[in-house]
Amino acid sequence: SNRVYFSEGSRIWMKGAGNLTDYSDLKLLHSAPLEVTALTVDWLYERIYYVSSGR
């Protein structure tokens, strides 16, 4: 499955990579209590790891 993950402020979003200008499949995955400063995806086990404000 072709997906793009990105963060904006304290939110982590997921979107299909097929058509990046179509927002109909944009999905909020997580809203962190602090700003997300790092985000990585483990594609093998389909897990997302993030760091909030250096913690």
PDB file of N, CA and C in Angstrom:
ATOM      1  N   SER A   1       0.836  -1.186   0.000  1.00  0.00           N
ATOM      2  CA  SER A   1       0.000   0.000   0.000  1.00  0.00           C
ATOM      3  C   SER A   1       0.876   1.244   0.000  1.00  0.00           C
ATOM      4  N   ASN A   2       0.633   2.125  -0.909  1.00  0.00           N
ATOM      5  CA  ASN A   2       1.418   3.346  -1.057  1.00  0.00           C
ATOM      6  C   ASN A   2       0.804   4.459  -0.236  1.00  0.00           C
ATOM      7  N   ARG A   3       1.477   4.791   0.857  1.00  0.00           N
ATOM      8  CA  ARG A   3       0.980   5.837   1.746  1.00  0.00           C
ATOM      9  C   ARG A   3       2.088   6.823   2.060  1.00  0.00           C
ATOM     10  N   VAL A   4       1.686   8.032   2.344  1.00  0.00           N
ATOM     11  CA  VAL A   4       2.602   9.081   2.766  1.00  0.00           C
ATOM     12  C   VAL A   4       2.190   9.484   4.175  1.00  0.00           C
ATOM     13  N   TYR A   5       3.178   9.592   5.061  1.00  0.00           N
ATOM     14  CA  TYR A   5       2.938  10.034   6.432  1.00  0.00           C
ATOM     15  C   TYR A   5       3.672  11.346   6.643  1.00  0.00           C
ATOM     16  N   PHE A   6       3.036  12.286   7.319  1.00  0.00           N
ATOM     17  CA  PHE A   6       3.710  13.547   7.603  1.00  0.00           C
ATOM     18  C   PHE A   6       3.135  14.142   8.876  1.00  0.00           C
ATOM     19  N   SER A   7       3.900  15.050   9.453  1.00  0.00           N
ATOM     20  CA  SER A   7       3.438  15.721  10.672  1.00  0.00           C
ATOM     21  C   SER A   7       3.352  17.215  10.412  1.00  0.00           C
ATOM     22  N   GLU A   8       2.427  17.830  11.133  1.00  0.00           N
ATOM     23  CA  GLU A   8       2.244  19.278  11.082  1.00  0.00           C
ATOM     24  C   GLU A   8       1.900  19.709  12.504  1.00  0.00           C
ATOM     25  N   GLY A   9       2.833  20.391  13.141  1.00  0.00           N
ATOM     26  CA  GLY A   9       2.616  20.777  14.537  1.00  0.00           C
ATOM     27  C   GLY A   9       2.554  19.553  15.429  1.00  0.00           C
ATOM     28  N   SER A  10       1.424  19.345  16.079  1.00  0.00           N
ATOM     29  CA  SER A  10       1.275  18.201  16.978  1.00  0.00           C
ATOM     30  C   SER A  10       0.465  17.067  16.350  1.00  0.00           C
ATOM     31  N   ARG A  11       0.205  17.152  15.062  1.00  0.00           N
ATOM     32  CA  ARG A  11      -0.625  16.145  14.392  1.00  0.00           C
ATOM     33  C   ARG A  11       0.180  15.296  13.414  1.00  0.00           C
ATOM     34  N   ILE A  12      -0.194  14.013  13.313  1.00  0.00           N
ATOM     35  CA  ILE A  12       0.399  13.090  12.350  1.00  0.00           C
ATOM     36  C   ILE A  12      -0.706  12.677  11.380  1.00  0.00           C
ATOM     37  N   TRP A  13      -0.422  12.848  10.096  1.00  0.00           N
ATOM     38  CA  TRP A  13      -1.403  12.584   9.053  1.00  0.00           C
ATOM     39  C   TRP A  13      -0.954  11.438   8.156  1.00  0.00           C
ATOM     40  N   MET A  14      -1.920  10.773   7.510  1.00  0.00           N
ATOM     41  CA  MET A  14      -1.645   9.732   6.523  1.00  0.00           C
ATOM     42  C   MET A  14      -2.448  10.055   5.267  1.00  0.00           C
ATOM     43  N   LYS A  15      -1.838   9.778   4.111  1.00  0.00           N
ATOM     44  CA  LYS A  15      -2.505  10.048   2.840  1.00  0.00           C
ATOM     45  C   LYS A  15      -2.052   9.038   1.810  1.00  0.00           C
ATOM     46  N   GLY A  16      -2.937   8.639   0.929  1.00  0.00           N
ATOM     47  CA  GLY A  16      -2.567   7.779  -0.187  1.00  0.00           C
ATOM     48  C   GLY A  16      -1.633   8.524  -1.125  1.00  0.00           C
ATOM     49  N   ALA A  17      -0.633   7.822  -1.645  1.00  0.00           N
ATOM     50  CA  ALA A  17       0.381   8.474  -2.474  1.00  0.00           C
ATOM     51  C   ALA A  17      -0.009   8.541  -3.948  1.00  0.00           C
ATOM     52  N   GLY A  18      -1.122   7.948  -4.325  1.00  0.00           N
ATOM     53  CA  GLY A  18      -1.522   7.915  -5.728  1.00  0.00           C
ATOM     54  C   GLY A  18      -1.754   9.287  -6.329  1.00  0.00           C
ATOM     55  N   ASN A  19      -2.464  10.141  -5.632  1.00  0.00           N
ATOM     56  CA  ASN A  19      -2.765  11.486  -6.116  1.00  0.00           C
ATOM     57  C   ASN A  19      -2.661  12.438  -4.928  1.00  0.00           C
ATOM     58  N   LEU A  20      -1.551  13.112  -4.797  1.00  0.00           N
ATOM     59  CA  LEU A  20      -1.303  13.946  -3.620  1.00  0.00           C
ATOM     60  C   LEU A  20      -2.154  15.210  -3.581  1.00  0.00           C
ATOM     61  N   THR A  21      -2.766  15.588  -4.694  1.00  0.00           N
ATOM     62  CA  THR A  21      -3.611  16.781  -4.687  1.00  0.00           C
ATOM     63  C   THR A  21      -5.061  16.472  -4.312  1.00  0.00           C
ATOM     64  N   ASP A  22      -5.414  15.197  -4.220  1.00  0.00           N
ATOM     65  CA  ASP A  22      -6.761  14.787  -3.820  1.00  0.00           C
ATOM     66  C   ASP A  22      -6.779  14.561  -2.312  1.00  0.00           C
ATOM     67  N   TYR A  23      -7.504  15.409  -1.601  1.00  0.00           N
ATOM     68  CA  TYR A  23      -7.508  15.350  -0.137  1.00  0.00           C
ATOM     69  C   TYR A  23      -8.598  14.445   0.433  1.00  0.00           C
ATOM     70  N   SER A  24      -9.336  13.738  -0.402  1.00  0.00           N
ATOM     71  CA  SER A  24     -10.450  12.929   0.087  1.00  0.00           C
ATOM     72  C   SER A  24      -9.997  11.761   0.962  1.00  0.00           C
ATOM     73  N   ASP A  25      -8.745  11.316   0.808  1.00  0.00           N
ATOM     74  CA  ASP A  25      -8.260  10.197   1.623  1.00  0.00           C
ATOM     75  C   ASP A  25      -7.285  10.647   2.719  1.00  0.00           C
ATOM     76  N   LEU A  26      -7.239  11.930   2.994  1.00  0.00           N
ATOM     77  CA  LEU A  26      -6.388  12.456   4.063  1.00  0.00           C
ATOM     78  C   LEU A  26      -6.976  12.049   5.409  1.00  0.00           C
ATOM     79  N   LYS A  27      -6.142  11.467   6.269  1.00  0.00           N
ATOM     80  CA  LYS A  27      -6.641  10.935   7.536  1.00  0.00           C
ATOM     81  C   LYS A  27      -5.739  11.360   8.687  1.00  0.00           C
ATOM     82  N   LEU A  28      -6.331  11.892   9.746  1.00  0.00           N
ATOM     83  CA  LEU A  28      -5.590  12.235  10.954  1.00  0.00           C
ATOM     84  C   LEU A  28      -5.354  10.953  11.739  1.00  0.00           C
ATOM     85  N   LEU A  29      -4.079  10.586  11.932  1.00  0.00           N
ATOM     86  CA  LEU A  29      -3.751   9.362  12.660  1.00  0.00           C
ATOM     87  C   LEU A  29      -3.601   9.589  14.151  1.00  0.00           C
ATOM     88  N   HIS A  30      -2.984  10.715  14.513  1.00  0.00           N
ATOM     89  CA  HIS A  30      -2.679  10.932  15.926  1.00  0.00           C
ATOM     90  C   HIS A  30      -2.508  12.421  16.190  1.00  0.00           C
ATOM     91  N   SER A  31      -2.954  12.837  17.345  1.00  0.00           N
ATOM     92  CA  SER A  31      -2.737  14.203  17.795  1.00  0.00           C
ATOM     93  C   SER A  31      -1.942  14.127  19.093  1.00  0.00           C
ATOM     94  N   ALA A  32      -0.687  14.538  19.044  1.00  0.00           N
ATOM     95  CA  ALA A  32       0.210  14.445  20.198  1.00  0.00           C
ATOM     96  C   ALA A  32      -0.002  15.639  21.125  1.00  0.00           C
ATOM     97  N   PRO A  33       0.357  15.499  22.397  1.00  0.00           N
ATOM     98  CA  PRO A  33       0.210  16.623  23.326  1.00  0.00           C
ATOM     99  C   PRO A  33       1.206  17.755  23.051  1.00  0.00           C
ATOM    100  N   LEU A  34       2.357  17.428  22.458  1.00  0.00           N
ATOM    101  CA  LEU A  34       3.383  18.419  22.130  1.00  0.00           C
ATOM    102  C   LEU A  34       3.703  18.334  20.643  1.00  0.00           C
ATOM    103  N   GLU A  35       4.456  19.308  20.137  1.00  0.00           N
ATOM    104  CA  GLU A  35       4.829  19.330  18.724  1.00  0.00           C
ATOM    105  C   GLU A  35       5.642  18.094  18.351  1.00  0.00           C
ATOM    106  N   VAL A  36       5.315  17.481  17.216  1.00  0.00           N
ATOM    107  CA  VAL A  36       6.058  16.330  16.700  1.00  0.00           C
ATOM    108  C   VAL A  36       7.321  16.856  16.028  1.00  0.00           C
ATOM    109  N   THR A  37       8.489  16.399  16.506  1.00  0.00           N
ATOM    110  CA  THR A  37       9.758  16.889  15.966  1.00  0.00           C
ATOM    111  C   THR A  37      10.458  15.866  15.079  1.00  0.00           C
ATOM    112  N   ALA A  38      10.097  14.587  15.187  1.00  0.00           N
ATOM    113  CA  ALA A  38      10.683  13.547  14.343  1.00  0.00           C
ATOM    114  C   ALA A  38       9.634  12.468  14.106  1.00  0.00           C
ATOM    115  N   LEU A  39       9.643  11.910  12.899  1.00  0.00           N
ATOM    116  CA  LEU A  39       8.658  10.900  12.527  1.00  0.00           C
ATOM    117  C   LEU A  39       9.344   9.868  11.650  1.00  0.00           C
ATOM    118  N   THR A  40       9.143   8.584  11.948  1.00  0.00           N
ATOM    119  CA  THR A  40       9.696   7.525  11.118  1.00  0.00           C
ATOM    120  C   THR A  40       8.680   6.401  11.005  1.00  0.00           C
ATOM    121  N   VAL A  41       8.732   5.675   9.895  1.00  0.00           N
ATOM    122  CA  VAL A  41       7.787   4.592   9.639  1.00  0.00           C
ATOM    123  C   VAL A  41       8.558   3.297   9.467  1.00  0.00           C
ATOM    124  N   ASP A  42       8.135   2.262  10.173  1.00  0.00           N
ATOM    125  CA  ASP A  42       8.662   0.907  10.009  1.00  0.00           C
ATOM    126  C   ASP A  42       7.729   0.212   9.017  1.00  0.00           C
ATOM    127  N   TRP A  43       8.137   0.161   7.754  1.00  0.00           N
ATOM    128  CA  TRP A  43       7.277  -0.382   6.703  1.00  0.00           C
ATOM    129  C   TRP A  43       7.068  -1.880   6.852  1.00  0.00           C
ATOM    130  N   LEU A  44       8.056  -2.599   7.377  1.00  0.00           N
ATOM    131  CA  LEU A  44       7.944  -4.049   7.516  1.00  0.00           C
ATOM    132  C   LEU A  44       6.846  -4.433   8.503  1.00  0.00           C
ATOM    133  N   TYR A  45       6.843  -3.791   9.657  1.00  0.00           N
ATOM    134  CA  TYR A  45       5.860  -4.110  10.698  1.00  0.00           C
ATOM    135  C   TYR A  45       4.701  -3.111  10.756  1.00  0.00           C
ATOM    136  N   GLU A  46       4.685  -2.168   9.814  1.00  0.00           N
ATOM    137  CA  GLU A  46       3.631  -1.162   9.703  1.00  0.00           C
ATOM    138  C   GLU A  46       3.385  -0.437  11.026  1.00  0.00           C
ATOM    139  N   ARG A  47       4.455   0.148  11.550  1.00  0.00           N
ATOM    140  CA  ARG A  47       4.380   0.929  12.788  1.00  0.00           C
ATOM    141  C   ARG A  47       4.976   2.312  12.552  1.00  0.00           C
ATOM    142  N   ILE A  48       4.468   3.277  13.297  1.00  0.00           N
ATOM    143  CA  ILE A  48       4.960   4.648  13.218  1.00  0.00           C
ATOM    144  C   ILE A  48       5.548   5.019  14.568  1.00  0.00           C
ATOM    145  N   TYR A  49       6.724   5.639  14.531  1.00  0.00           N
ATOM    146  CA  TYR A  49       7.382   6.114  15.747  1.00  0.00           C
ATOM    147  C   TYR A  49       7.597   7.617  15.603  1.00  0.00           C
ATOM    148  N   TYR A  50       7.432   8.337  16.706  1.00  0.00           N
ATOM    149  CA  TYR A  50       7.630   9.781  16.648  1.00  0.00           C
ATOM    150  C   TYR A  50       8.228  10.293  17.949  1.00  0.00           C
ATOM    151  N   VAL A  51       8.818  11.482  17.860  1.00  0.00           N
ATOM    152  CA  VAL A  51       9.360  12.183  19.019  1.00  0.00           C
ATOM    153  C   VAL A  51       8.618  13.508  19.116  1.00  0.00           C
ATOM    154  N   SER A  52       8.173  13.840  20.319  1.00  0.00           N
ATOM    155  CA  SER A  52       7.491  15.117  20.555  1.00  0.00           C
ATOM    156  C   SER A  52       8.389  16.044  21.353  1.00  0.00           C
ATOM    157  N   SER A  53       8.718  17.169  20.783  1.00  0.00           N
ATOM    158  CA  SER A  53       9.508  18.212  21.455  1.00  0.00           C
ATOM    159  C   SER A  53      10.725  17.665  22.197  1.00  0.00           C
ATOM    160  N   GLY A  54      11.460  16.778  21.527  1.00  0.00           N
ATOM    161  CA  GLY A  54      12.722  16.265  22.074  1.00  0.00           C
ATOM    162  C   GLY A  54      12.592  15.230  23.167  1.00  0.00           C
ATOM    163  N   ARG A  55      11.419  14.599  23.317  1.00  0.00           N
ATOM    164  CA  ARG A  55      11.223  13.591  24.371  1.00  0.00           C
ATOM    165  C   ARG A  55      10.955  12.231  23.791  1.00  0.00           C
TER     166      ARG A  55
END
